[in-house]
Structure formats: C-alpha cells, structure tokens
Amino acid sequence: MKDAARYVKVVEWSEEDQCFVGSAPGLVFGGCHGDDEMAVFAELCLIVDEAILLYRREGKPLPPPTSGRDFVNKMQCVA
C-alpha cells in the first residue's frame, strides 16, 4: 500500500466558491479546486504524493495517518 492511501482525501462542493474543493486534512494545508470533481480528486492525489515526497526529502516524519478512522460513518451521524 502506498503511504498516500493512509490519508483521507476530501472533495466537496463549495457554494461560496462555486467549485469543487479538494483537501487532505492533517497532511496538506490548502488544496486544490476546479469545476470537474474527478479532475480535482486526481489533482489532490498528486498533491498528496508530492507532499509525502517533500516530507521524505526534508527528513521529516509523516503526520499521523487519517485513514481508518471510519470518518464516513461518523459523518453520517452529523448529516
């Protein structure tokens, strides 16, 4: 499994920005945006891969993984 799979990737519609916004909480501050949901997700995956490479090049430990925390079911309780 790639390290990138250990991080939750979120793509959501922003009413304020009128576009899709992608983020990877806990790993990447900021993210990406665009009109095509799938393209935003693909770009986000690249950003996560690049962030992990930067951590490694700088000799920094990766932040704690965010996957495996059952976010989907926890979010259903909020909705």
N, C-alpha and C. Protein backbone atom coordinates (compact mmCIF):
# COMPACT_ATOMS: atom_id res chain seq x y z
N MET A 1 0.85 -1.17 0.00
CA MET A 1 0.00 0.00 0.00
C MET A 1 0.90 1.24 0.00
N LYS A 2 0.51 2.22 -0.82
CA LYS A 2 1.24 3.49 -0.85
C LYS A 2 0.93 4.29 0.41
N ASP A 3 1.90 5.08 0.85
CA ASP A 3 1.67 5.94 2.01
C ASP A 3 0.50 6.90 1.77
N ALA A 4 0.30 7.32 0.54
CA ALA A 4 -0.79 8.26 0.22
C ALA A 4 -2.15 7.68 0.60
N ALA A 5 -2.28 6.37 0.56
CA ALA A 5 -3.55 5.73 0.90
C ALA A 5 -3.87 5.85 2.39
N ARG A 6 -2.91 6.25 3.17
CA ARG A 6 -3.11 6.38 4.62
C ARG A 6 -3.74 7.73 5.00
N TYR A 7 -3.99 8.58 4.00
CA TYR A 7 -4.53 9.90 4.26
C TYR A 7 -5.87 10.10 3.56
N VAL A 8 -6.83 10.60 4.32
CA VAL A 8 -8.16 10.87 3.78
C VAL A 8 -8.06 12.02 2.79
N LYS A 9 -8.75 11.85 1.68
CA LYS A 9 -8.81 12.90 0.65
C LYS A 9 -10.27 13.28 0.49
N VAL A 10 -10.56 14.57 0.60
CA VAL A 10 -11.94 15.05 0.57
C VAL A 10 -12.11 16.00 -0.60
N VAL A 11 -13.14 15.74 -1.41
CA VAL A 11 -13.53 16.66 -2.47
C VAL A 11 -14.98 17.01 -2.20
N GLU A 12 -15.25 18.30 -2.06
CA GLU A 12 -16.61 18.73 -1.77
C GLU A 12 -16.95 19.98 -2.57
N TRP A 13 -18.23 20.19 -2.78
CA TRP A 13 -18.71 21.36 -3.48
C TRP A 13 -18.72 22.54 -2.52
N SER A 14 -18.20 23.68 -2.97
CA SER A 14 -18.22 24.90 -2.17
C SER A 14 -19.23 25.87 -2.78
N GLU A 15 -20.30 26.12 -2.04
CA GLU A 15 -21.29 27.10 -2.52
C GLU A 15 -20.64 28.48 -2.62
N GLU A 16 -19.81 28.81 -1.65
CA GLU A 16 -19.16 30.12 -1.63
C GLU A 16 -18.29 30.34 -2.86
N ASP A 17 -17.50 29.31 -3.22
CA ASP A 17 -16.57 29.43 -4.34
C ASP A 17 -17.16 28.97 -5.67
N GLN A 18 -18.31 28.28 -5.60
CA GLN A 18 -18.97 27.74 -6.79
C GLN A 18 -18.05 26.82 -7.59
N CYS A 19 -17.35 25.95 -6.85
CA CYS A 19 -16.50 24.95 -7.48
C CYS A 19 -16.23 23.83 -6.48
N PHE A 20 -15.61 22.76 -6.96
CA PHE A 20 -15.21 21.67 -6.09
C PHE A 20 -13.88 22.02 -5.44
N VAL A 21 -13.74 21.70 -4.16
CA VAL A 21 -12.53 21.98 -3.40
C VAL A 21 -12.00 20.66 -2.84
N GLY A 22 -10.72 20.41 -3.04
CA GLY A 22 -10.09 19.19 -2.53
C GLY A 22 -9.12 19.49 -1.43
N SER A 23 -9.10 18.64 -0.41
CA SER A 23 -8.17 18.82 0.71
C SER A 23 -7.79 17.46 1.28
N ALA A 24 -6.69 17.46 2.00
CA ALA A 24 -6.22 16.25 2.69
C ALA A 24 -5.90 16.66 4.12
N PRO A 25 -6.93 16.69 4.98
CA PRO A 25 -6.75 17.15 6.36
C PRO A 25 -5.63 16.39 7.07
N GLY A 26 -4.84 17.14 7.79
CA GLY A 26 -3.75 16.54 8.55
C GLY A 26 -2.46 16.40 7.78
N LEU A 27 -2.52 16.54 6.46
CA LEU A 27 -1.31 16.37 5.65
C LEU A 27 -0.99 17.63 4.86
N VAL A 28 -1.99 18.18 4.19
CA VAL A 28 -1.79 19.31 3.30
C VAL A 28 -2.66 20.47 3.77
N PHE A 29 -2.05 21.61 4.01
CA PHE A 29 -2.81 22.81 4.31
C PHE A 29 -3.12 23.48 2.98
N GLY A 30 -4.38 23.77 2.75
CA GLY A 30 -4.78 24.25 1.43
C GLY A 30 -5.24 23.06 0.62
N GLY A 31 -5.12 23.13 -0.67
CA GLY A 31 -5.56 22.03 -1.51
C GLY A 31 -5.66 22.47 -2.94
N CYS A 32 -6.75 22.09 -3.59
CA CYS A 32 -6.94 22.43 -4.99
C CYS A 32 -8.44 22.65 -5.24
N HIS A 33 -8.75 23.19 -6.40
CA HIS A 33 -10.15 23.45 -6.71
C HIS A 33 -10.35 23.43 -8.23
N GLY A 34 -11.62 23.29 -8.63
CA GLY A 34 -11.95 23.30 -10.05
C GLY A 34 -13.40 22.94 -10.28
N ASP A 35 -13.80 22.97 -11.55
CA ASP A 35 -15.18 22.70 -11.93
C ASP A 35 -15.50 21.22 -12.10
N ASP A 36 -14.49 20.39 -12.27
CA ASP A 36 -14.68 18.97 -12.53
C ASP A 36 -14.27 18.17 -11.29
N GLU A 37 -15.23 17.51 -10.67
CA GLU A 37 -14.99 16.77 -9.42
C GLU A 37 -13.89 15.73 -9.56
N MET A 38 -13.93 14.97 -10.64
CA MET A 38 -12.93 13.91 -10.84
C MET A 38 -11.53 14.50 -11.07
N ALA A 39 -11.47 15.59 -11.79
CA ALA A 39 -10.17 16.24 -12.05
C ALA A 39 -9.60 16.80 -10.74
N VAL A 40 -10.45 17.35 -9.90
CA VAL A 40 -9.99 17.87 -8.61
C VAL A 40 -9.45 16.72 -7.76
N PHE A 41 -10.14 15.58 -7.76
CA PHE A 41 -9.65 14.44 -6.99
C PHE A 41 -8.30 13.95 -7.52
N ALA A 42 -8.16 13.87 -8.83
CA ALA A 42 -6.90 13.43 -9.43
C ALA A 42 -5.76 14.38 -9.06
N GLU A 43 -6.04 15.69 -9.11
CA GLU A 43 -5.03 16.68 -8.73
C GLU A 43 -4.68 16.55 -7.25
N LEU A 44 -5.69 16.33 -6.43
CA LEU A 44 -5.47 16.17 -4.99
C LEU A 44 -4.57 14.97 -4.71
N CYS A 45 -4.79 13.88 -5.42
CA CYS A 45 -3.95 12.69 -5.23
C CYS A 45 -2.50 13.00 -5.57
N LEU A 46 -2.27 13.78 -6.62
CA LEU A 46 -0.90 14.18 -6.98
C LEU A 46 -0.29 15.06 -5.89
N ILE A 47 -1.09 15.99 -5.36
CA ILE A 47 -0.62 16.88 -4.31
C ILE A 47 -0.22 16.08 -3.07
N VAL A 48 -1.02 15.08 -2.72
CA VAL A 48 -0.70 14.24 -1.56
C VAL A 48 0.61 13.48 -1.81
N ASP A 49 0.77 12.91 -2.99
CA ASP A 49 2.02 12.21 -3.32
C ASP A 49 3.22 13.16 -3.21
N GLU A 50 3.07 14.38 -3.74
CA GLU A 50 4.16 15.35 -3.70
C GLU A 50 4.47 15.79 -2.27
N ALA A 51 3.44 15.95 -1.46
CA ALA A 51 3.65 16.34 -0.06
C ALA A 51 4.45 15.27 0.68
N ILE A 52 4.11 14.02 0.43
CA ILE A 52 4.83 12.91 1.08
C ILE A 52 6.29 12.90 0.63
N LEU A 53 6.52 13.13 -0.66
CA LEU A 53 7.91 13.21 -1.16
C LEU A 53 8.68 14.33 -0.48
N LEU A 54 8.04 15.48 -0.30
CA LEU A 54 8.71 16.61 0.36
C LEU A 54 9.06 16.29 1.81
N TYR A 55 8.13 15.64 2.51
CA TYR A 55 8.43 15.23 3.89
C TYR A 55 9.67 14.34 3.91
N ARG A 56 9.72 13.39 2.99
CA ARG A 56 10.85 12.45 2.95
C ARG A 56 12.16 13.15 2.60
N ARG A 57 12.12 14.03 1.60
CA ARG A 57 13.34 14.75 1.19
C ARG A 57 13.90 15.59 2.32
N GLU A 58 12.99 16.17 3.11
CA GLU A 58 13.41 17.03 4.21
C GLU A 58 13.72 16.23 5.48
N GLY A 59 13.55 14.92 5.43
CA GLY A 59 13.84 14.07 6.57
C GLY A 59 12.86 14.22 7.72
N LYS A 60 11.68 14.72 7.41
CA LYS A 60 10.66 14.92 8.45
C LYS A 60 9.75 13.70 8.53
N PRO A 61 9.28 13.36 9.72
CA PRO A 61 8.32 12.26 9.82
C PRO A 61 6.97 12.67 9.24
N LEU A 62 6.29 11.71 8.66
CA LEU A 62 4.96 11.98 8.13
C LEU A 62 3.98 12.23 9.28
N PRO A 63 3.00 13.09 9.04
CA PRO A 63 1.96 13.28 10.06
C PRO A 63 1.21 11.97 10.30
N PRO A 64 0.53 11.84 11.42
CA PRO A 64 -0.23 10.62 11.68
C PRO A 64 -1.27 10.38 10.57
N PRO A 65 -1.45 9.13 10.16
CA PRO A 65 -2.44 8.82 9.13
C PRO A 65 -3.85 9.25 9.56
N THR A 66 -4.66 9.59 8.58
CA THR A 66 -6.04 9.97 8.86
C THR A 66 -7.03 8.94 8.34
N SER A 67 -6.57 7.96 7.58
CA SER A 67 -7.48 6.92 7.11
C SER A 67 -7.70 5.89 8.21
N GLY A 68 -8.74 5.09 8.05
CA GLY A 68 -9.02 4.03 9.01
C GLY A 68 -9.70 4.51 10.27
N ARG A 69 -10.21 5.71 10.24
CA ARG A 69 -10.88 6.26 11.42
C ARG A 69 -12.39 6.27 11.26
N ASP A 70 -12.87 5.62 10.21
CA ASP A 70 -14.31 5.46 9.97
C ASP A 70 -15.03 6.81 9.86
N PHE A 71 -14.37 7.77 9.17
CA PHE A 71 -14.96 9.09 9.00
C PHE A 71 -16.32 9.05 8.31
N VAL A 72 -16.48 8.16 7.34
CA VAL A 72 -17.72 8.12 6.57
C VAL A 72 -18.92 7.86 7.50
N ASN A 73 -18.82 6.84 8.34
CA ASN A 73 -19.94 6.55 9.23
C ASN A 73 -20.12 7.62 10.29
N LYS A 74 -19.04 8.22 10.74
CA LYS A 74 -19.15 9.29 11.73
C LYS A 74 -19.82 10.52 11.12
N MET A 75 -19.53 10.80 9.85
CA MET A 75 -20.12 11.95 9.18
C MET A 75 -21.62 11.74 8.93
N GLN A 76 -22.04 10.51 8.76
CA GLN A 76 -23.46 10.23 8.55
C GLN A 76 -24.28 10.66 9.75
N CYS A 77 -23.70 10.58 10.93
CA CYS A 77 -24.41 10.99 12.14
C CYS A 77 -24.61 12.50 12.19
N VAL A 78 -23.74 13.24 11.53
CA VAL A 78 -23.82 14.69 11.52
C VAL A 78 -24.84 15.16 10.50
N ALA A 79 -24.91 14.48 9.38
CA ALA A 79 -25.77 14.89 8.26
C ALA A 79 -27.24 14.74 8.58
